[in-house]
Amino acid sequence: MSVQTARPPRSTKVFIPELVYFEPNALNYPKGVRIMEWAKKEGLPIRMTTSHNRITNLPGDNEFAKYRMAKNTLVVGVRKTLTFDQSKPSAEYAIPIATGCMAHCHYCYLQTTLGAKPYIRVYVNTDEILQAAKKYIDERAPEITRFEAACTSDPLGLEHISGSLSELIEFMADEPYGRLRFVSKFHHVEPLLNLRHNGHTRIRFSVNADYVIKQFEPGTSTFAERIEAAGKIAKAGYPLGFIIAPIIWHEGWEEGYAHLLEKLKEALPREAVKDLTFELIQHRFTKTAKNVILKRYPKTKLEMDEAKRKYKWGRWGQGKYVYPDEQAQALREHITEQIFDKFPEATIDYFT
């Protein structure tokens, strides 16, 4: 009788694009030159473009193939707009260091906010972006100003290429009234572990019930990888947090989210429990998002039935579909109870 050996756990590799575009002006910055050298060393196809906002004629026989290619295309450019958007409720402002994500989360709001531009952009003029952040900090001092670096991307998944998070972390370490925040579904934290951060950067990991990760989060690090990375971050002295998002009502959801919090409690080192925060975001969608998601992921099991939802007006005039009050309250109460049972000293920043 042959003995079957256990299959080793999957290791999520760092993102390597299939195609790289450069704006000519990007090569006037040291970071642009460095990324060009990296792309050449990796043997990647390199093209030039007049604008990081205008990438056309991507390879692919149909829209689906072009979308897949876009998610594997890196565009290196200069960020011209240095006015930061608000980023409530997680922070005062979004700090723009990248746009687009290599993951394939079915529910992601970037499906629609990026529209026809799902390719991944990194910006090389980090010094100018930081100068703009400094102005916002000085204007609000002595109030603390928080900057969210993951509003339009998952910057940790790009750190091995851009190095931008490291620059932001060390900049904020020296700002008494500045704080950095970002969230990730990736585990590649090694470049951040030995940085001088002064406790001014809170690193959060997006986690969810097994069902949600399995069904709707292709192309991301595994739950186990994320939690291992969270432990490393805590041991490096960073403030740690978790975002449970999107919270999805599914068969067995109560057990699923209870199991999630139990696994977190079992896996996290003692350092992680100190100053731990949670952010809770229920699943929502717009009609536009639904149409885009069904086109890009036609076999998705994501429930988007307007008849089962409550319509909620957004601040820009476009409404979204959220869970009815009774379901939302049940989700909130159950997950809150589980968090405080497992982590009695934790803080829940918000439920939305």
Protein backbone atom coordinates (compact mmCIF):
# COMPACT_ATOMS: atom_id res chain seq x y z
CA MET A 1 0.00 0.00 0.00
CA SER A 2 1.48 3.33 -1.04
CA VAL A 3 1.56 6.15 1.47
CA GLN A 4 0.36 9.50 0.14
CA THR A 5 2.39 12.45 1.33
CA ALA A 6 0.64 15.68 2.20
CA ARG A 7 0.74 18.26 -0.54
CA PRO A 8 2.80 21.31 0.52
CA PRO A 9 0.77 24.48 0.94
CA ARG A 10 0.55 26.76 -2.08
CA SER A 11 3.02 29.63 -2.08
CA THR A 12 1.73 32.80 -3.70
CA LYS A 13 4.46 34.28 -5.87
CA VAL A 14 5.11 37.99 -6.28
CA PHE A 15 3.49 39.70 -9.23
CA ILE A 16 5.47 39.72 -12.45
CA PRO A 17 3.68 41.51 -15.31
CA GLU A 18 3.53 40.14 -18.83
CA LEU A 19 3.89 43.58 -20.39
CA VAL A 20 5.32 46.91 -19.17
CA TYR A 21 4.63 50.41 -20.49
CA PHE A 22 6.60 53.54 -19.64
CA GLU A 23 5.75 57.19 -20.03
CA PRO A 24 8.89 58.92 -21.38
CA ASN A 25 8.85 61.37 -18.46
CA ALA A 26 8.95 58.48 -15.98
CA LEU A 27 12.54 57.91 -17.01
CA ASN A 28 13.46 61.37 -15.68
CA TYR A 29 13.00 59.98 -12.16
CA PRO A 30 15.38 57.54 -10.43
CA LYS A 31 12.50 55.18 -9.65
CA GLY A 32 11.49 55.07 -13.31
CA VAL A 33 15.04 54.20 -14.34
CA ARG A 34 15.23 51.53 -11.65
CA ILE A 35 11.97 49.90 -12.75
CA MET A 36 13.13 49.98 -16.38
CA GLU A 37 16.31 48.16 -15.35
CA TRP A 38 14.24 45.64 -13.40
CA ALA A 39 11.91 45.01 -16.36
CA LYS A 40 14.87 44.46 -18.68
CA LYS A 41 16.49 42.09 -16.20
CA GLU A 42 13.24 40.11 -16.02
CA GLY A 43 13.14 39.95 -19.82
CA LEU A 44 9.72 41.60 -20.01
CA PRO A 45 8.30 43.16 -23.19
CA ILE A 46 8.63 46.96 -22.84
CA ARG A 47 6.61 49.58 -24.72
CA MET A 48 6.38 53.36 -24.50
CA THR A 49 3.17 55.34 -24.09
CA THR A 50 2.32 59.03 -24.17
CA SER A 51 0.13 58.75 -21.07
CA HIS A 52 -0.43 56.25 -18.27
CA ASN A 53 -4.16 57.04 -18.68
CA ARG A 54 -4.27 55.93 -22.30
CA ILE A 55 -3.23 52.32 -22.92
CA THR A 56 -4.91 50.86 -26.00
CA ASN A 57 -4.53 47.86 -28.27
CA LEU A 58 -3.69 45.39 -25.53
CA PRO A 59 -3.26 41.83 -26.86
CA GLY A 60 -6.36 39.63 -26.81
CA ASP A 61 -8.92 38.20 -29.21
CA ASN A 62 -11.94 39.44 -27.23
CA GLU A 63 -12.89 41.71 -24.34
CA PHE A 64 -12.40 38.99 -21.76
CA ALA A 65 -8.88 38.21 -23.02
CA LYS A 66 -8.01 41.91 -23.13
CA TYR A 67 -9.20 42.31 -19.54
CA ARG A 68 -7.04 39.41 -18.40
CA MET A 69 -4.07 40.95 -20.17
CA ALA A 70 -4.75 44.36 -18.65
CA LYS A 71 -4.57 42.81 -15.17
CA ASN A 72 -1.10 41.57 -16.11
CA THR A 73 0.08 44.88 -17.57
CA LEU A 74 2.20 47.35 -15.59
CA VAL A 75 2.25 51.02 -16.58
CA VAL A 76 4.96 53.25 -15.11
CA GLY A 77 4.11 56.94 -15.12
CA VAL A 78 4.15 60.32 -13.41
CA ARG A 79 1.23 61.27 -11.17
CA LYS A 80 0.16 64.73 -12.32
CA THR A 81 -2.86 65.24 -10.05
CA LEU A 82 -1.52 65.92 -6.56
CA THR A 83 -4.84 66.89 -5.01
CA PHE A 84 -5.79 64.00 -2.77
CA ASP A 85 -9.31 62.54 -2.59
CA GLN A 86 -11.02 62.09 0.75
CA SER A 87 -10.98 58.54 2.11
CA LYS A 88 -13.69 58.26 4.75
CA PRO A 89 -14.14 56.39 6.99
CA SER A 90 -10.67 54.83 7.02
CA ALA A 91 -8.62 58.04 6.76
CA GLU A 92 -8.73 61.73 5.94
CA TYR A 93 -7.10 61.38 2.52
CA ALA A 94 -6.12 58.79 -0.07
CA ILE A 95 -2.44 59.03 -1.00
CA PRO A 96 -1.95 58.00 -4.65
CA ILE A 97 1.07 55.77 -5.20
CA ALA A 98 -0.53 53.17 -7.49
CA THR A 99 -3.77 52.44 -9.33
CA GLY A 100 -5.12 49.02 -10.24
CA CYS A 101 -4.62 45.56 -8.80
CA MET A 102 -3.36 42.21 -10.02
CA ALA A 103 -5.88 40.21 -7.96
CA HIS A 104 -9.19 39.00 -9.41
CA CYS A 105 -11.63 39.60 -6.53
CA HIS A 106 -15.08 39.35 -8.13
CA TYR A 107 -16.71 41.92 -5.85
CA CYS A 108 -14.04 44.65 -6.02
CA TYR A 109 -15.23 48.24 -6.46
CA LEU A 110 -12.24 48.86 -8.73
CA GLN A 111 -14.19 46.89 -11.35
CA THR A 112 -16.17 50.04 -11.99
CA THR A 113 -14.09 52.91 -10.60
CA LEU A 114 -11.29 52.01 -13.00
CA GLY A 115 -13.77 51.29 -15.79
CA ALA A 116 -11.98 50.54 -19.01
CA LYS A 117 -8.53 51.00 -17.41
CA PRO A 118 -7.97 47.87 -15.28
CA TYR A 119 -4.24 47.84 -15.97
CA ILE A 120 -1.86 48.50 -13.08
CA ARG A 121 -0.17 51.87 -12.73
CA VAL A 122 2.70 52.85 -10.44
CA TYR A 123 3.85 56.44 -10.06
CA VAL A 124 7.52 57.32 -9.92
CA ASN A 125 7.31 60.91 -8.57
CA THR A 126 7.00 59.79 -4.96
CA ASP A 127 8.87 62.86 -3.64
CA GLU A 128 6.27 65.17 -5.17
CA ILE A 129 3.45 63.03 -3.74
CA LEU A 130 5.07 63.24 -0.31
CA GLN A 131 5.47 67.02 -0.61
CA ALA A 132 1.74 67.25 -1.27
CA ALA A 133 1.05 65.03 1.77
CA LYS A 134 3.25 67.31 3.88
CA LYS A 135 1.07 70.29 2.96
CA TYR A 136 -2.07 68.45 4.07
CA ILE A 137 -0.41 67.50 7.36
CA ASP A 138 0.76 71.06 8.04
CA GLU A 139 -2.65 72.53 7.22
CA ARG A 140 -4.38 70.32 9.79
CA ALA A 141 -1.73 70.32 12.54
CA PRO A 142 -1.92 69.75 15.46
CA GLU A 143 -4.69 67.35 14.41
CA ILE A 144 -3.50 63.97 13.16
CA THR A 145 -3.90 63.46 9.40
CA ARG A 146 -4.25 59.87 8.22
CA PHE A 147 -3.47 58.79 4.66
CA GLU A 148 -4.87 55.60 3.10
CA ALA A 149 -2.48 54.10 0.53
CA ALA A 150 -4.75 51.29 -0.67
CA CYS A 151 -7.85 53.07 -1.99
CA THR A 152 -7.14 52.34 -5.65
CA SER A 153 -4.66 49.47 -5.46
CA ASP A 154 -3.04 46.81 -3.29
CA PRO A 155 0.35 48.48 -2.96
CA LEU A 156 1.94 45.65 -0.98
CA GLY A 157 1.58 43.45 -4.05
CA LEU A 158 3.69 45.98 -5.97
CA GLU A 159 6.29 46.82 -3.33
CA HIS A 160 8.99 44.58 -4.82
CA ILE A 161 8.71 46.67 -7.99
CA SER A 162 8.01 50.19 -6.73
CA GLY A 163 9.39 50.46 -3.19
CA SER A 164 6.82 53.21 -2.65
CA LEU A 165 5.37 51.90 0.61
CA SER A 166 8.84 51.86 2.16
CA GLU A 167 9.32 55.50 1.20
CA LEU A 168 5.94 56.48 2.65
CA ILE A 169 6.52 54.56 5.87
CA GLU A 170 9.87 56.20 6.56
CA PHE A 171 8.50 59.64 5.63
CA MET A 172 5.57 59.27 8.05
CA ALA A 173 7.91 58.04 10.80
CA ASP A 174 9.24 61.59 11.03
CA GLU A 175 5.85 63.33 10.91
CA PRO A 176 4.42 63.93 14.41
CA TYR A 177 0.98 64.67 12.93
CA GLY A 178 1.04 62.28 9.95
CA ARG A 179 -0.06 58.65 9.84
CA LEU A 180 -0.11 56.05 7.05
CA ARG A 181 -2.55 53.19 6.61
CA PHE A 182 -2.92 50.50 4.00
CA VAL A 183 -4.62 47.14 3.62
CA SER A 184 -3.59 44.09 1.62
CA LYS A 185 -4.59 40.60 0.54
CA PHE A 186 -0.93 39.76 -0.09
CA HIS A 187 1.74 38.50 2.27
CA HIS A 188 4.99 39.83 0.82
CA VAL A 189 5.93 41.99 3.82
CA GLU A 190 9.68 41.32 3.98
CA PRO A 191 10.73 44.72 2.53
CA LEU A 192 8.86 46.46 5.39
CA LEU A 193 10.04 44.52 8.42
CA ASN A 194 13.26 46.41 9.15
CA LEU A 195 12.07 49.91 8.29
CA ARG A 196 12.03 52.83 10.73
CA HIS A 197 8.30 53.41 11.20
CA ASN A 198 7.94 54.92 14.69
CA GLY A 199 4.52 53.27 15.01
CA HIS A 200 3.04 55.76 12.53
CA THR A 201 1.89 53.18 9.96
CA ARG A 202 -0.99 50.81 10.61
CA ILE A 203 -0.88 47.76 8.36
CA ARG A 204 -4.14 45.88 7.92
CA PHE A 205 -4.93 42.62 6.22
CA SER A 206 -8.18 41.86 4.47
CA VAL A 207 -9.65 38.59 5.78
CA ASN A 208 -12.91 36.75 5.31
CA ALA A 209 -14.83 33.53 5.78
CA ASP A 210 -13.42 30.49 3.96
CA TYR A 211 -16.33 30.48 1.52
CA VAL A 212 -15.70 34.08 0.42
CA ILE A 213 -11.95 33.65 -0.05
CA LYS A 214 -12.41 30.40 -1.96
CA GLN A 215 -15.18 31.62 -4.26
CA PHE A 216 -14.38 35.27 -4.88
CA GLU A 217 -10.69 36.05 -4.29
CA PRO A 218 -8.58 34.43 -7.04
CA GLY A 219 -5.06 35.70 -7.46
CA THR A 220 -4.52 36.64 -3.79
CA SER A 221 -2.37 35.20 -1.03
CA THR A 222 -3.96 32.43 1.00
CA PHE A 223 -5.55 33.14 4.37
CA ALA A 224 -2.69 31.29 6.09
CA GLU A 225 -0.10 33.40 4.24
CA ARG A 226 -1.87 36.63 5.20
CA ILE A 227 -2.05 35.69 8.87
CA GLU A 228 1.59 34.62 8.96
CA ALA A 229 2.46 38.00 7.44
CA ALA A 230 0.30 39.75 10.05
CA GLY A 231 2.32 38.06 12.79
CA LYS A 232 5.57 39.29 11.21
CA ILE A 233 4.18 42.82 11.01
CA ALA A 234 3.15 42.75 14.67
CA LYS A 235 6.57 41.46 15.75
CA ALA A 236 8.16 44.31 13.76
CA GLY A 237 6.26 46.74 15.99
CA TYR A 238 3.71 48.04 13.50
CA PRO A 239 0.15 48.74 14.66
CA LEU A 240 -1.97 45.93 13.15
CA GLY A 241 -5.51 45.73 11.93
CA PHE A 242 -7.93 43.54 10.00
CA ILE A 243 -10.63 44.47 7.55
CA ILE A 244 -13.41 41.91 7.23
CA ALA A 245 -14.74 42.84 3.83
CA PRO A 246 -16.92 42.35 2.08
CA ILE A 247 -19.08 40.64 4.66
CA ILE A 248 -21.25 38.34 2.58
CA TRP A 249 -24.50 36.69 3.66
CA HIS A 250 -24.16 33.08 2.54
CA GLU A 251 -25.24 29.65 3.68
CA GLY A 252 -23.42 28.94 6.94
CA TRP A 253 -22.27 32.56 7.36
CA GLU A 254 -22.55 32.47 11.14
CA GLU A 255 -20.23 29.48 11.43
CA GLY A 256 -17.99 30.89 8.70
CA TYR A 257 -17.29 34.19 10.43
CA ALA A 258 -17.04 32.56 13.88
CA HIS A 259 -14.46 30.14 12.43
CA LEU A 260 -12.58 33.08 10.87
CA LEU A 261 -12.18 34.83 14.23
CA GLU A 262 -11.24 31.57 15.94
CA LYS A 263 -8.51 30.94 13.38
CA LEU A 264 -7.21 34.47 13.85
CA LYS A 265 -7.04 34.00 17.61
CA GLU A 266 -5.17 30.71 17.26
CA ALA A 267 -2.66 31.95 14.70
CA LEU A 268 -1.71 35.42 15.89
CA PRO A 269 1.28 35.95 18.19
CA ARG A 270 0.86 37.75 21.50
CA GLU A 271 2.28 40.99 20.05
CA ALA A 272 -0.57 41.20 17.54
CA VAL A 273 -3.31 41.53 20.15
CA LYS A 274 -1.99 44.86 21.41
CA ASP A 275 -3.80 47.84 19.82
CA LEU A 276 -5.64 45.60 17.35
CA THR A 277 -8.32 47.19 15.17
CA PHE A 278 -11.11 45.82 13.00
CA GLU A 279 -13.06 47.43 10.17
CA LEU A 280 -16.28 45.79 8.98
CA ILE A 281 -17.74 46.41 5.51
CA GLN A 282 -20.84 44.65 4.23
CA HIS A 283 -21.09 43.64 0.58
CA ARG A 284 -22.63 46.24 -1.73
CA PHE A 285 -22.87 46.72 -5.46
CA THR A 286 -24.17 49.15 -8.06
CA LYS A 287 -26.05 48.23 -11.22
CA THR A 288 -23.01 49.28 -13.23
CA ALA A 289 -20.74 47.06 -11.11
CA LYS A 290 -23.09 44.10 -11.49
CA ASN A 291 -23.02 44.36 -15.29
CA VAL A 292 -19.23 44.63 -15.38
CA ILE A 293 -18.70 41.75 -12.94
CA LEU A 294 -21.02 39.42 -14.85
CA LYS A 295 -19.20 40.22 -18.08
CA ARG A 296 -15.75 39.65 -16.60
CA TYR A 297 -16.62 36.71 -14.33
CA PRO A 298 -19.66 35.10 -15.99
CA LYS A 299 -19.59 32.02 -13.73
CA THR A 300 -19.40 33.94 -10.47
CA LYS A 301 -21.54 32.79 -7.55
CA LEU A 302 -21.65 36.32 -6.15
CA GLU A 303 -25.23 37.13 -5.14
CA MET A 304 -26.34 40.42 -6.73
CA ASP A 305 -30.13 40.21 -6.69
CA GLU A 306 -31.55 43.74 -6.36
CA ALA A 307 -34.85 42.31 -5.06
CA LYS A 308 -33.04 40.96 -1.98
CA ARG A 309 -31.28 44.24 -1.22
CA LYS A 310 -31.90 47.71 0.16
CA TYR A 311 -31.14 50.68 -2.10
CA LYS A 312 -28.87 53.25 -0.47
CA TRP A 313 -28.05 56.60 -2.04
CA GLY A 314 -24.36 57.40 -2.42
CA ARG A 315 -22.74 60.78 -1.91
CA TRP A 316 -22.13 61.22 -5.65
CA GLY A 317 -25.75 60.62 -6.56
CA GLN A 318 -25.28 57.00 -7.60
CA GLY A 319 -26.99 54.53 -5.29
CA LYS A 320 -25.80 51.11 -4.22
CA TYR A 321 -27.48 47.93 -3.08
CA VAL A 322 -26.71 46.85 0.49
CA TYR A 323 -28.29 44.25 2.76
CA PRO A 324 -31.69 45.09 4.29
CA ASP A 325 -31.49 46.54 7.81
CA GLU A 326 -32.43 43.27 9.53
CA GLN A 327 -29.71 41.28 7.75
CA ALA A 328 -27.12 44.02 8.18
CA GLN A 329 -27.88 44.18 11.90
CA ALA A 330 -27.58 40.41 12.24
CA LEU A 331 -24.20 40.43 10.49
CA ARG A 332 -22.97 43.33 12.60
CA GLU A 333 -24.07 41.87 15.93
CA HIS A 334 -22.73 38.38 15.25
CA ILE A 335 -19.31 39.44 13.99
CA THR A 336 -18.93 42.10 16.70
CA GLU A 337 -19.73 39.49 19.35
CA GLN A 338 -17.16 37.11 17.88
CA ILE A 339 -14.47 39.80 17.76
CA PHE A 340 -14.90 40.86 21.38
CA ASP A 341 -15.13 37.25 22.52
CA LYS A 342 -11.79 36.41 20.88
CA PHE A 343 -10.11 39.83 21.21
CA PRO A 344 -11.68 41.67 24.19
CA GLU A 345 -9.18 44.54 23.99
CA ALA A 346 -9.63 45.16 20.25
CA THR A 347 -11.31 48.21 18.72
CA ILE A 348 -13.91 48.12 15.95
CA ASP A 349 -13.39 51.32 13.95
CA TYR A 350 -16.63 51.14 11.98
CA PHE A 351 -19.27 48.97 10.34
CA THR A 352 -20.57 50.18 7.00
